[in-house]
Amino acid sequence: YFAHLGWDKLEYRSLDFERVVQKNVTYFQPAFVVNHPSSDVNFTRIVEYKHLFNQTSPHTVYFVERSKDSGEPYYPVPNPKNKALFAKYKEMSNNEKNVSFVGRLANYKYFNMDETILNALELFDKDTEEVLKPSIK
């Protein structure tokens, strides 16, 4: 939105998804999502959707997620440089009339889905406060 200013872009981590089909295996892992927060493996988590939908099949499909530097912005990189740059962007966004910035990208922080929805609802309440305020006669 502020590209015309010529400022650096905020850094984000992205994800790569590898689809794996495994034959003759009821389940690959014990749960829907298993996180792997270790430098011993080259992936961050594995998601096996079969658990979620309680499917019955002699085979399974799961997705291996790997973090990467480029691609769709998923996770902010909150180092001091990016925090300072975000503060500049935030100041500019606060001065924009009739424009609302919402969600992960607008707040430069990771939100779970429930937090994303709450953020949008709170912004809606703030943005419509004057419009929806009962008029005093």
Protein backbone atom coordinates (compact mmCIF):
# COMPACT_ATOMS: atom_id res chain seq x y z
CA TYR A 1 0.00 0.00 0.00
CA PHE A 2 2.86 2.38 0.78
CA ALA A 3 5.22 1.12 -1.96
CA HIS A 4 5.41 4.64 -3.42
CA LEU A 5 7.40 5.69 -0.33
CA GLY A 6 10.32 3.51 -1.42
CA TRP A 7 10.77 1.98 2.03
CA ASP A 8 12.07 -1.55 2.50
CA LYS A 9 9.54 -4.37 2.62
CA LEU A 10 8.86 -6.06 5.92
CA GLU A 11 10.36 -9.54 6.08
CA TYR A 12 8.18 -12.62 6.33
CA ARG A 13 8.72 -16.35 6.39
CA SER A 14 6.67 -18.43 4.01
CA LEU A 15 5.76 -22.10 3.77
CA ASP A 16 6.24 -24.87 1.27
CA PHE A 17 3.81 -27.80 1.33
CA GLU A 18 4.82 -31.29 0.23
CA ARG A 19 1.93 -33.70 -0.37
CA VAL A 20 2.73 -37.30 0.53
CA VAL A 21 0.47 -40.26 -0.30
CA GLN A 22 1.18 -43.36 1.72
CA LYS A 23 -0.42 -46.65 0.69
CA ASN A 24 -1.46 -49.39 3.09
CA VAL A 25 -1.06 -47.21 6.19
CA THR A 26 -4.17 -46.42 8.20
CA TYR A 27 -2.58 -43.35 9.83
CA PHE A 28 0.89 -41.89 9.44
CA GLN A 29 0.90 -40.04 12.78
CA PRO A 30 -1.14 -40.11 16.01
CA ALA A 31 -2.88 -36.73 15.57
CA PHE A 32 -4.18 -34.27 12.97
CA VAL A 33 -1.22 -31.91 13.43
CA VAL A 34 2.19 -32.79 14.82
CA ASN A 35 4.69 -29.94 15.24
CA HIS A 36 8.39 -30.62 14.89
CA PRO A 37 10.22 -27.70 16.57
CA SER A 38 13.70 -29.11 16.08
CA SER A 39 16.73 -28.29 14.01
CA ASP A 40 17.19 -32.05 13.54
CA VAL A 41 14.52 -32.10 10.78
CA ASN A 42 14.00 -29.89 7.73
CA PHE A 43 10.27 -29.33 8.31
CA THR A 44 8.13 -27.58 10.92
CA ARG A 45 5.01 -29.72 11.07
CA ILE A 46 3.02 -32.49 9.43
CA VAL A 47 -0.73 -32.28 8.87
CA GLU A 48 -2.78 -35.41 8.24
CA TYR A 49 -6.32 -34.32 7.38
CA LYS A 50 -7.71 -37.84 7.60
CA HIS A 51 -7.85 -37.42 11.41
CA LEU A 52 -9.98 -34.31 11.15
CA PHE A 53 -12.70 -35.86 9.02
CA ASN A 54 -12.60 -39.29 10.70
CA GLN A 55 -12.12 -40.98 7.35
CA THR A 56 -11.70 -44.70 6.92
CA SER A 57 -9.31 -45.80 4.23
CA PRO A 58 -6.42 -48.25 3.94
CA HIS A 59 -4.28 -45.30 2.74
CA THR A 60 -3.48 -41.81 3.97
CA VAL A 61 -2.36 -38.41 2.69
CA TYR A 62 -0.39 -35.90 4.72
CA PHE A 63 1.34 -32.61 4.10
CA VAL A 64 4.84 -31.75 5.27
CA GLU A 65 5.32 -28.03 5.91
CA ARG A 66 8.70 -26.41 5.43
CA SER A 67 9.60 -22.83 6.25
CA LYS A 68 11.23 -20.71 3.54
CA ASP A 69 12.32 -17.13 2.90
CA SER A 70 10.19 -16.31 -0.15
CA GLY A 71 6.59 -16.78 -1.20
CA GLU A 72 3.28 -15.91 0.43
CA PRO A 73 3.80 -13.98 3.70
CA TYR A 74 2.78 -16.23 6.60
CA TYR A 75 5.00 -15.38 9.56
CA PRO A 76 6.59 -12.02 10.43
CA VAL A 77 10.31 -11.85 11.20
CA PRO A 78 10.19 -9.63 14.30
CA ASN A 79 13.83 -8.56 14.48
CA PRO A 80 14.77 -4.99 15.58
CA LYS A 81 15.05 -3.73 11.98
CA ASN A 82 11.59 -4.99 11.04
CA LYS A 83 10.02 -3.77 14.28
CA ALA A 84 11.33 -0.25 13.61
CA LEU A 85 10.17 -0.38 9.99
CA PHE A 86 6.74 -1.64 11.04
CA ALA A 87 6.42 1.28 13.48
CA LYS A 88 6.92 3.66 10.53
CA TYR A 89 4.32 1.82 8.43
CA LYS A 90 1.91 1.74 11.38
CA GLU A 91 2.24 5.50 11.84
CA MET A 92 1.47 6.03 8.15
CA SER A 93 -1.53 3.69 8.30
CA ASN A 94 -2.94 5.51 11.32
CA ASN A 95 -3.04 8.71 9.23
CA GLU A 96 -4.92 7.17 6.30
CA LYS A 97 -8.52 8.36 6.06
CA ASN A 98 -11.24 5.85 5.15
CA VAL A 99 -8.80 2.93 4.98
CA SER A 100 -8.63 0.10 7.52
CA PHE A 101 -5.74 -2.30 7.82
CA VAL A 102 -6.58 -5.61 9.50
CA GLY A 103 -5.09 -9.05 10.16
CA ARG A 104 -1.62 -10.52 10.28
CA LEU A 105 -0.10 -8.30 7.63
CA ALA A 106 -1.58 -5.11 9.07
CA ASN A 107 -0.38 -5.89 12.60
CA TYR A 108 2.90 -7.56 11.63
CA LYS A 109 2.27 -10.38 14.08
CA TYR A 110 1.15 -13.96 13.91
CA PHE A 111 -2.55 -14.45 14.69
CA ASN A 112 -4.36 -17.71 15.19
CA MET A 113 -7.64 -17.78 13.29
CA ASP A 114 -9.71 -16.87 16.37
CA GLU A 115 -7.44 -13.86 16.99
CA THR A 116 -7.78 -12.82 13.33
CA ILE A 117 -11.56 -12.82 13.57
CA LEU A 118 -11.49 -10.92 16.87
CA ASN A 119 -9.13 -8.35 15.33
CA ALA A 120 -11.53 -7.81 12.42
CA LEU A 121 -14.56 -7.49 14.71
CA GLU A 122 -12.80 -5.01 17.00
CA LEU A 123 -11.69 -2.94 14.01
CA PHE A 124 -15.24 -2.96 12.65
CA ASP A 125 -16.55 -1.70 16.01
CA LYS A 126 -13.93 1.06 16.06
CA ASP A 127 -14.52 2.07 12.44
CA THR A 128 -18.31 2.16 12.78
CA GLU A 129 -18.50 3.68 16.25
CA GLU A 130 -19.47 7.15 15.01
CA VAL A 131 -21.86 5.85 12.36
CA LEU A 132 -23.71 3.52 14.71
CA LYS A 133 -23.75 5.85 17.73
CA PRO A 134 -27.33 6.80 18.59
CA SER A 135 -27.90 10.46 17.97
CA ILE A 136 -28.67 12.56 21.04
CA LYS A 137 -31.55 14.96 20.59
